[in-house]
Amino acid sequence: MSTTLLAPQRPSGIPDTLRLQSRDTRTTLVDRIALHLGLRLLIWGSRTPRLTDDRERHARTRRAHDATTAREHGYLREALLAPRP
């Protein structure tokens, strides 16, 4: 097998040269709080408008839909029960 197909491996004692030695690998508390707050704001801002409507508007819409359904059902019932000429 050709050795060019394998990725070169670092010996375990040599540090990663791409990582800066002066940088801490842990995320600070302030950064974590900022990321958490940003995520919450992003989720809150992407809500659908339906969820932001008030409860009375939903109730009014539901009553209108129920009334329309009842009228359609009544009309179809009368049409089916009417004697045929």
PDB file of N, CA and C in Angstrom:
ATOM      1  N   MET A   1       0.836  -1.166   0.000  1.00  0.00           N
ATOM      2  CA  MET A   1       0.000   0.000   0.000  1.00  0.00           C
ATOM      3  C   MET A   1       0.890   1.240   0.000  1.00  0.00           C
ATOM      4  N   SER A   2       0.487   2.215  -0.766  1.00  0.00           N
ATOM      5  CA  SER A   2       1.282   3.425  -0.874  1.00  0.00           C
ATOM      6  C   SER A   2       1.115   4.273   0.383  1.00  0.00           C
ATOM      7  N   THR A   3       2.178   4.874   0.832  1.00  0.00           N
ATOM      8  CA  THR A   3       2.116   5.712   2.029  1.00  0.00           C
ATOM      9  C   THR A   3       1.545   7.088   1.726  1.00  0.00           C
ATOM     10  N   THR A   4       1.392   7.446   0.444  1.00  0.00           N
ATOM     11  CA  THR A   4       0.824   8.752   0.118  1.00  0.00           C
ATOM     12  C   THR A   4      -0.683   8.784   0.325  1.00  0.00           C
ATOM     13  N   LEU A   5      -1.314   7.618   0.451  1.00  0.00           N
ATOM     14  CA  LEU A   5      -2.759   7.586   0.678  1.00  0.00           C
ATOM     15  C   LEU A   5      -3.136   7.837   2.137  1.00  0.00           C
ATOM     16  N   LEU A   6      -2.161   7.748   3.009  1.00  0.00           N
ATOM     17  CA  LEU A   6      -2.427   7.941   4.425  1.00  0.00           C
ATOM     18  C   LEU A   6      -2.092   9.362   4.836  1.00  0.00           C
ATOM     19  N   ALA A   7      -2.920   9.951   5.696  1.00  0.00           N
ATOM     20  CA  ALA A   7      -2.638  11.286   6.200  1.00  0.00           C
ATOM     21  C   ALA A   7      -1.478  11.209   7.181  1.00  0.00           C
ATOM     22  N   PRO A   8      -0.610  12.200   7.173  1.00  0.00           N
ATOM     23  CA  PRO A   8       0.512  12.173   8.117  1.00  0.00           C
ATOM     24  C   PRO A   8      -0.011  12.289   9.552  1.00  0.00           C
ATOM     25  N   GLN A   9       0.562  11.548  10.449  1.00  0.00           N
ATOM     26  CA  GLN A   9       0.155  11.544  11.846  1.00  0.00           C
ATOM     27  C   GLN A   9       1.187  12.301  12.670  1.00  0.00           C
ATOM     28  N   ARG A  10       0.697  13.087  13.635  1.00  0.00           N
ATOM     29  CA  ARG A  10       1.604  13.808  14.526  1.00  0.00           C
ATOM     30  C   ARG A  10       2.000  12.905  15.693  1.00  0.00           C
ATOM     31  N   PRO A  11       3.211  12.966  16.053  1.00  0.00           N
ATOM     32  CA  PRO A  11       3.571  12.280  17.295  1.00  0.00           C
ATOM     33  C   PRO A  11       2.853  12.952  18.465  1.00  0.00           C
ATOM     34  N   SER A  12       2.558  12.209  19.475  1.00  0.00           N
ATOM     35  CA  SER A  12       1.716  12.726  20.551  1.00  0.00           C
ATOM     36  C   SER A  12       2.372  13.829  21.367  1.00  0.00           C
ATOM     37  N   GLY A  13       3.675  13.946  21.367  1.00  0.00           N
ATOM     38  CA  GLY A  13       4.344  14.944  22.192  1.00  0.00           C
ATOM     39  C   GLY A  13       4.425  16.316  21.554  1.00  0.00           C
ATOM     40  N   ILE A  14       4.199  16.439  20.268  1.00  0.00           N
ATOM     41  CA  ILE A  14       4.332  17.723  19.578  1.00  0.00           C
ATOM     42  C   ILE A  14       2.983  18.436  19.595  1.00  0.00           C
ATOM     43  N   PRO A  15       2.929  19.707  20.057  1.00  0.00           N
ATOM     44  CA  PRO A  15       1.650  20.419  20.093  1.00  0.00           C
ATOM     45  C   PRO A  15       1.186  20.795  18.683  1.00  0.00           C
ATOM     46  N   ASP A  16      -0.095  21.064  18.557  1.00  0.00           N
ATOM     47  CA  ASP A  16      -0.667  21.465  17.281  1.00  0.00           C
ATOM     48  C   ASP A  16      -0.158  22.854  16.930  1.00  0.00           C
ATOM     49  N   THR A  17       0.478  23.004  15.777  1.00  0.00           N
ATOM     50  CA  THR A  17       1.052  24.295  15.404  1.00  0.00           C
ATOM     51  C   THR A  17       0.007  25.265  14.896  1.00  0.00           C
ATOM     52  N   LEU A  18      -1.176  24.777  14.525  1.00  0.00           N
ATOM     53  CA  LEU A  18      -2.221  25.676  14.032  1.00  0.00           C
ATOM     54  C   LEU A  18      -2.938  26.385  15.170  1.00  0.00           C
ATOM     55  N   ARG A  19      -2.850  25.887  16.354  1.00  0.00           N
ATOM     56  CA  ARG A  19      -3.511  26.490  17.504  1.00  0.00           C
ATOM     57  C   ARG A  19      -2.553  27.457  18.186  1.00  0.00           C
ATOM     58  N   LEU A  20      -3.041  28.657  18.479  1.00  0.00           N
ATOM     59  CA  LEU A  20      -2.202  29.635  19.150  1.00  0.00           C
ATOM     60  C   LEU A  20      -2.025  29.238  20.606  1.00  0.00           C
ATOM     61  N   GLN A  21      -0.818  29.322  21.067  1.00  0.00           N
ATOM     62  CA  GLN A  21      -0.534  28.934  22.448  1.00  0.00           C
ATOM     63  C   GLN A  21      -1.111  29.932  23.435  1.00  0.00           C
ATOM     64  N   SER A  22      -1.282  31.187  23.010  1.00  0.00           N
ATOM     65  CA  SER A  22      -1.770  32.220  23.928  1.00  0.00           C
ATOM     66  C   SER A  22      -3.298  32.180  24.097  1.00  0.00           C
ATOM     67  N   ARG A  23      -3.992  31.442  23.268  1.00  0.00           N
ATOM     68  CA  ARG A  23      -5.456  31.398  23.335  1.00  0.00           C
ATOM     69  C   ARG A  23      -5.921  30.316  24.296  1.00  0.00           C
ATOM     70  N   ASP A  24      -6.912  30.657  25.102  1.00  0.00           N
ATOM     71  CA  ASP A  24      -7.505  29.674  26.003  1.00  0.00           C
ATOM     72  C   ASP A  24      -8.575  28.908  25.232  1.00  0.00           C
ATOM     73  N   THR A  25      -8.645  27.603  25.423  1.00  0.00           N
ATOM     74  CA  THR A  25      -9.595  26.782  24.665  1.00  0.00           C
ATOM     75  C   THR A  25     -10.993  26.814  25.263  1.00  0.00           C
ATOM     76  N   ARG A  26     -11.134  27.324  26.476  1.00  0.00           N
ATOM     77  CA  ARG A  26     -12.445  27.379  27.119  1.00  0.00           C
ATOM     78  C   ARG A  26     -13.161  28.671  26.759  1.00  0.00           C
ATOM     79  N   THR A  27     -14.484  28.601  26.683  1.00  0.00           N
ATOM     80  CA  THR A  27     -15.306  29.774  26.408  1.00  0.00           C
ATOM     81  C   THR A  27     -15.624  30.453  27.734  1.00  0.00           C
ATOM     82  N   THR A  28     -15.481  31.774  27.761  1.00  0.00           N
ATOM     83  CA  THR A  28     -15.712  32.495  29.006  1.00  0.00           C
ATOM     84  C   THR A  28     -17.200  32.539  29.334  1.00  0.00           C
ATOM     85  N   LEU A  29     -17.502  32.820  30.579  1.00  0.00           N
ATOM     86  CA  LEU A  29     -18.884  32.891  31.041  1.00  0.00           C
ATOM     87  C   LEU A  29     -19.653  34.001  30.315  1.00  0.00           C
ATOM     88  N   VAL A  30     -19.012  35.132  30.108  1.00  0.00           N
ATOM     89  CA  VAL A  30     -19.670  36.241  29.410  1.00  0.00           C
ATOM     90  C   VAL A  30     -20.016  35.844  27.979  1.00  0.00           C
ATOM     91  N   ASP A  31     -19.110  35.148  27.303  1.00  0.00           N
ATOM     92  CA  ASP A  31     -19.374  34.708  25.936  1.00  0.00           C
ATOM     93  C   ASP A  31     -20.508  33.680  25.894  1.00  0.00           C
ATOM     94  N   ARG A  32     -20.525  32.773  26.862  1.00  0.00           N
ATOM     95  CA  ARG A  32     -21.601  31.783  26.897  1.00  0.00           C
ATOM     96  C   ARG A  32     -22.950  32.433  27.151  1.00  0.00           C
ATOM     97  N   ILE A  33     -22.987  33.430  28.041  1.00  0.00           N
ATOM     98  CA  ILE A  33     -24.245  34.138  28.306  1.00  0.00           C
ATOM     99  C   ILE A  33     -24.691  34.894  27.060  1.00  0.00           C
ATOM    100  N   ALA A  34     -23.756  35.539  26.382  1.00  0.00           N
ATOM    101  CA  ALA A  34     -24.092  36.280  25.159  1.00  0.00           C
ATOM    102  C   ALA A  34     -24.606  35.344  24.069  1.00  0.00           C
ATOM    103  N   LEU A  35     -23.974  34.197  23.916  1.00  0.00           N
ATOM    104  CA  LEU A  35     -24.443  33.226  22.917  1.00  0.00           C
ATOM    105  C   LEU A  35     -25.822  32.695  23.270  1.00  0.00           C
ATOM    106  N   HIS A  36     -26.058  32.420  24.543  1.00  0.00           N
ATOM    107  CA  HIS A  36     -27.364  31.927  24.985  1.00  0.00           C
ATOM    108  C   HIS A  36     -28.443  32.978  24.748  1.00  0.00           C
ATOM    109  N   LEU A  37     -28.142  34.232  25.101  1.00  0.00           N
ATOM    110  CA  LEU A  37     -29.100  35.315  24.890  1.00  0.00           C
ATOM    111  C   LEU A  37     -29.362  35.522  23.393  1.00  0.00           C
ATOM    112  N   GLY A  38     -28.314  35.465  22.585  1.00  0.00           N
ATOM    113  CA  GLY A  38     -28.490  35.616  21.139  1.00  0.00           C
ATOM    114  C   GLY A  38     -29.344  34.517  20.549  1.00  0.00           C
ATOM    115  N   LEU A  39     -29.156  33.283  21.007  1.00  0.00           N
ATOM    116  CA  LEU A  39     -29.978  32.176  20.523  1.00  0.00           C
ATOM    117  C   LEU A  39     -31.432  32.365  20.912  1.00  0.00           C
ATOM    118  N   ARG A  40     -31.676  32.775  22.156  1.00  0.00           N
ATOM    119  CA  ARG A  40     -33.059  33.027  22.601  1.00  0.00           C
ATOM    120  C   ARG A  40     -33.714  34.132  21.779  1.00  0.00           C
ATOM    121  N   LEU A  41     -32.984  35.197  21.511  1.00  0.00           N
ATOM    122  CA  LEU A  41     -33.538  36.292  20.703  1.00  0.00           C
ATOM    123  C   LEU A  41     -33.808  35.838  19.273  1.00  0.00           C
ATOM    124  N   LEU A  42     -32.943  35.008  18.725  1.00  0.00           N
ATOM    125  CA  LEU A  42     -33.148  34.496  17.376  1.00  0.00           C
ATOM    126  C   LEU A  42     -34.393  33.631  17.309  1.00  0.00           C
ATOM    127  N   ILE A  43     -34.573  32.756  18.281  1.00  0.00           N
ATOM    128  CA  ILE A  43     -35.772  31.909  18.318  1.00  0.00           C
ATOM    129  C   ILE A  43     -37.015  32.759  18.524  1.00  0.00           C
ATOM    130  N   TRP A  44     -36.955  33.731  19.417  1.00  0.00           N
ATOM    131  CA  TRP A  44     -38.114  34.583  19.686  1.00  0.00           C
ATOM    132  C   TRP A  44     -38.479  35.420  18.459  1.00  0.00           C
ATOM    133  N   GLY A  45     -37.477  35.886  17.731  1.00  0.00           N
ATOM    134  CA  GLY A  45     -37.729  36.728  16.564  1.00  0.00           C
ATOM    135  C   GLY A  45     -38.239  35.950  15.359  1.00  0.00           C
ATOM    136  N   SER A  46     -38.051  34.645  15.346  1.00  0.00           N
ATOM    137  CA  SER A  46     -38.471  33.860  14.189  1.00  0.00           C
ATOM    138  C   SER A  46     -39.831  33.201  14.400  1.00  0.00           C
ATOM    139  N   ARG A  47     -40.559  33.614  15.440  1.00  0.00           N
ATOM    140  CA  ARG A  47     -41.888  33.039  15.671  1.00  0.00           C
ATOM    141  C   ARG A  47     -42.814  33.418  14.532  1.00  0.00           C
ATOM    142  N   THR A  48     -43.814  32.591  14.305  1.00  0.00           N
ATOM    143  CA  THR A  48     -44.784  32.895  13.262  1.00  0.00           C
ATOM    144  C   THR A  48     -45.758  33.945  13.766  1.00  0.00           C
ATOM    145  N   PRO A  49     -46.299  34.777  12.885  1.00  0.00           N
ATOM    146  CA  PRO A  49     -47.231  35.813  13.328  1.00  0.00           C
ATOM    147  C   PRO A  49     -48.482  35.239  13.998  1.00  0.00           C
ATOM    148  N   ARG A  50     -48.854  34.006  13.656  1.00  0.00           N
ATOM    149  CA  ARG A  50     -50.038  33.410  14.250  1.00  0.00           C
ATOM    150  C   ARG A  50     -49.911  33.311  15.764  1.00  0.00           C
ATOM    151  N   LEU A  51     -48.709  33.071  16.238  1.00  0.00           N
ATOM    152  CA  LEU A  51     -48.503  32.928  17.674  1.00  0.00           C
ATOM    153  C   LEU A  51     -48.556  34.257  18.408  1.00  0.00           C
ATOM    154  N   THR A  52     -48.376  35.351  17.697  1.00  0.00           N
ATOM    155  CA  THR A  52     -48.376  36.648  18.351  1.00  0.00           C
ATOM    156  C   THR A  52     -49.751  37.291  18.360  1.00  0.00           C
ATOM    157  N   ASP A  53     -50.726  36.706  17.659  1.00  0.00           N
ATOM    158  CA  ASP A  53     -52.079  37.252  17.679  1.00  0.00           C
ATOM    159  C   ASP A  53     -52.686  37.096  19.059  1.00  0.00           C
ATOM    160  N   ASP A  54     -53.687  37.933  19.321  1.00  0.00           N
ATOM    161  CA  ASP A  54     -54.321  37.840  20.628  1.00  0.00           C
ATOM    162  C   ASP A  54     -55.357  36.720  20.661  1.00  0.00           C
ATOM    163  N   ARG A  55     -55.734  36.335  21.848  1.00  0.00           N
ATOM    164  CA  ARG A  55     -56.632  35.200  22.050  1.00  0.00           C
ATOM    165  C   ARG A  55     -58.044  35.494  21.526  1.00  0.00           C
ATOM    166  N   GLU A  56     -58.497  36.729  21.667  1.00  0.00           N
ATOM    167  CA  GLU A  56     -59.843  37.078  21.193  1.00  0.00           C
ATOM    168  C   GLU A  56     -59.943  36.932  19.675  1.00  0.00           C
ATOM    169  N   ARG A  57     -58.920  37.310  18.967  1.00  0.00           N
ATOM    170  CA  ARG A  57     -58.938  37.172  17.504  1.00  0.00           C
ATOM    171  C   ARG A  57     -59.025  35.699  17.110  1.00  0.00           C
ATOM    172  N   HIS A  58     -58.291  34.848  17.811  1.00  0.00           N
ATOM    173  CA  HIS A  58     -58.362  33.414  17.530  1.00  0.00           C
ATOM    174  C   HIS A  58     -59.767  32.876  17.805  1.00  0.00           C
ATOM    175  N   ALA A  59     -60.359  33.309  18.907  1.00  0.00           N
ATOM    176  CA  ALA A  59     -61.701  32.838  19.254  1.00  0.00           C
ATOM    177  C   ALA A  59     -62.714  33.299  18.211  1.00  0.00           C
ATOM    178  N   ARG A  60     -62.601  34.548  17.769  1.00  0.00           N
ATOM    179  CA  ARG A  60     -63.511  35.078  16.753  1.00  0.00           C
ATOM    180  C   ARG A  60     -63.374  34.311  15.444  1.00  0.00           C
ATOM    181  N   THR A  61     -62.165  34.040  15.050  1.00  0.00           N
ATOM    182  CA  THR A  61     -61.911  33.281  13.819  1.00  0.00           C
ATOM    183  C   THR A  61     -62.469  31.873  13.930  1.00  0.00           C
ATOM    184  N   ARG A  62     -62.281  31.251  15.087  1.00  0.00           N
ATOM    185  CA  ARG A  62     -62.793  29.892  15.286  1.00  0.00           C
ATOM    186  C   ARG A  62     -64.321  29.854  15.250  1.00  0.00           C
ATOM    187  N   ARG A  63     -64.963  30.844  15.902  1.00  0.00           N
ATOM    188  CA  ARG A  63     -66.440  30.901  15.875  1.00  0.00           C
ATOM    189  C   ARG A  63     -66.959  31.104  14.459  1.00  0.00           C
ATOM    190  N   ALA A  64     -66.306  31.954  13.682  1.00  0.00           N
ATOM    191  CA  ALA A  64     -66.728  32.192  12.299  1.00  0.00           C
ATOM    192  C   ALA A  64     -66.563  30.924  11.466  1.00  0.00           C
ATOM    193  N   HIS A  65     -65.479  30.204  11.680  1.00  0.00           N
ATOM    194  CA  HIS A  65     -65.258  28.954  10.957  1.00  0.00           C
ATOM    195  C   HIS A  65     -66.308  27.913  11.343  1.00  0.00           C
ATOM    196  N   ASP A  66     -66.599  27.803  12.629  1.00  0.00           N
ATOM    197  CA  ASP A  66     -67.615  26.847  13.078  1.00  0.00           C
ATOM    198  C   ASP A  66     -68.991  27.190  12.511  1.00  0.00           C
ATOM    199  N   ALA A  67     -69.321  28.487  12.471  1.00  0.00           N
ATOM    200  CA  ALA A  67     -70.617  28.905  11.927  1.00  0.00           C
ATOM    201  C   ALA A  67     -70.701  28.583  10.434  1.00  0.00           C
ATOM    202  N   THR A  68     -69.636  28.824   9.713  1.00  0.00           N
ATOM    203  CA  THR A  68     -69.616  28.517   8.280  1.00  0.00           C
ATOM    204  C   THR A  68     -69.770  27.019   8.053  1.00  0.00           C
ATOM    205  N   THR A  69     -69.085  26.228   8.835  1.00  0.00           N
ATOM    206  CA  THR A  69     -69.178  24.770   8.712  1.00  0.00           C
ATOM    207  C   THR A  69     -70.597  24.292   9.014  1.00  0.00           C
ATOM    208  N   ALA A  70     -71.205  24.867  10.046  1.00  0.00           N
ATOM    209  CA  ALA A  70     -72.576  24.476  10.394  1.00  0.00           C
ATOM    210  C   ALA A  70     -73.554  24.849   9.276  1.00  0.00           C
ATOM    211  N   ARG A  71     -73.402  26.035   8.687  1.00  0.00           N
ATOM    212  CA  ARG A  71     -74.272  26.431   7.570  1.00  0.00           C
ATOM    213  C   ARG A  71     -74.100  25.503   6.374  1.00  0.00           C
ATOM    214  N   GLU A  72     -72.852  25.175   6.043  1.00  0.00           N
ATOM    215  CA  GLU A  72     -72.616  24.270   4.917  1.00  0.00           C
ATOM    216  C   GLU A  72     -73.202  22.887   5.193  1.00  0.00           C
ATOM    217  N   HIS A  73     -73.046  22.409   6.403  1.00  0.00           N
ATOM    218  CA  HIS A  73     -73.590  21.106   6.768  1.00  0.00           C
ATOM    219  C   HIS A  73     -75.124  21.121   6.686  1.00  0.00           C
ATOM    220  N   GLY A  74     -75.728  22.197   7.187  1.00  0.00           N
ATOM    221  CA  GLY A  74     -77.190  22.314   7.114  1.00  0.00           C
ATOM    222  C   GLY A  74     -77.695  22.357   5.681  1.00  0.00           C
ATOM    223  N   TYR A  75     -77.013  23.104   4.835  1.00  0.00           N
ATOM    224  CA  TYR A  75     -77.422  23.191   3.440  1.00  0.00           C
ATOM    225  C   TYR A  75     -77.340  21.823   2.758  1.00  0.00           C
ATOM    226  N   LEU A  76     -76.219  21.125   2.973  1.00  0.00           N
ATOM    227  CA  LEU A  76     -76.077  19.801   2.360  1.00  0.00           C
ATOM    228  C   LEU A  76     -77.107  18.804   2.906  1.00  0.00           C
ATOM    229  N   ARG A  77     -77.426  18.919   4.199  1.00  0.00           N
ATOM    230  CA  ARG A  77     -78.420  18.017   4.796  1.00  0.00           C
ATOM    231  C   ARG A  77     -79.797  18.262   4.174  1.00  0.00           C
ATOM    232  N   GLU A  78     -80.160  19.525   4.037  1.00  0.00           N
ATOM    233  CA  GLU A  78     -81.449  19.854   3.421  1.00  0.00           C
ATOM    234  C   GLU A  78     -81.494  19.401   1.963  1.00  0.00           C
ATOM    235  N   ALA A  79     -80.367  19.559   1.270  1.00  0.00           N
ATOM    236  CA  ALA A  79     -80.323  19.153  -0.141  1.00  0.00           C
ATOM    237  C   ALA A  79     -80.454  17.640  -0.279  1.00  0.00           C
ATOM    238  N   LEU A  80     -79.881  16.902   0.639  1.00  0.00           N
ATOM    239  CA  LEU A  80     -79.957  15.440   0.562  1.00  0.00           C
ATOM    240  C   LEU A  80     -81.324  14.917   1.010  1.00  0.00           C
ATOM    241  N   LEU A  81     -81.985  15.607   1.938  1.00  0.00           N
ATOM    242  CA  LEU A  81     -83.274  15.137   2.452  1.00  0.00           C
ATOM    243  C   LEU A  81     -84.484  15.646   1.660  1.00  0.00           C
ATOM    244  N   ALA A  82     -84.236  16.610   0.782  1.00  0.00           N
ATOM    245  CA  ALA A  82     -85.355  17.177   0.000  1.00  0.00           C
ATOM    246  C   ALA A  82     -85.894  16.125  -0.965  1.00  0.00           C
ATOM    247  N   PRO A  83     -87.213  16.096  -1.133  1.00  0.00           N
ATOM    248  CA  PRO A  83     -87.789  15.129  -2.086  1.00  0.00           C
ATOM    249  C   PRO A  83     -87.354  15.471  -3.515  1.00  0.00           C
ATOM    250  N   ARG A  84     -87.137  14.449  -4.278  1.00  0.00           N
ATOM    251  CA  ARG A  84     -86.703  14.645  -5.666  1.00  0.00           C
ATOM    252  C   ARG A  84     -87.929  14.838  -6.552  1.00  0.00           C
ATOM    253  N   PRO A  85     -87.855  15.772  -7.480  1.00  0.00           N
ATOM    254  CA  PRO A  85     -89.007  16.001  -8.364  1.00  0.00           C
ATOM    255  C   PRO A  85     -89.220  14.897  -9.387  1.00  0.00           C
TER     256      PRO A  85
END
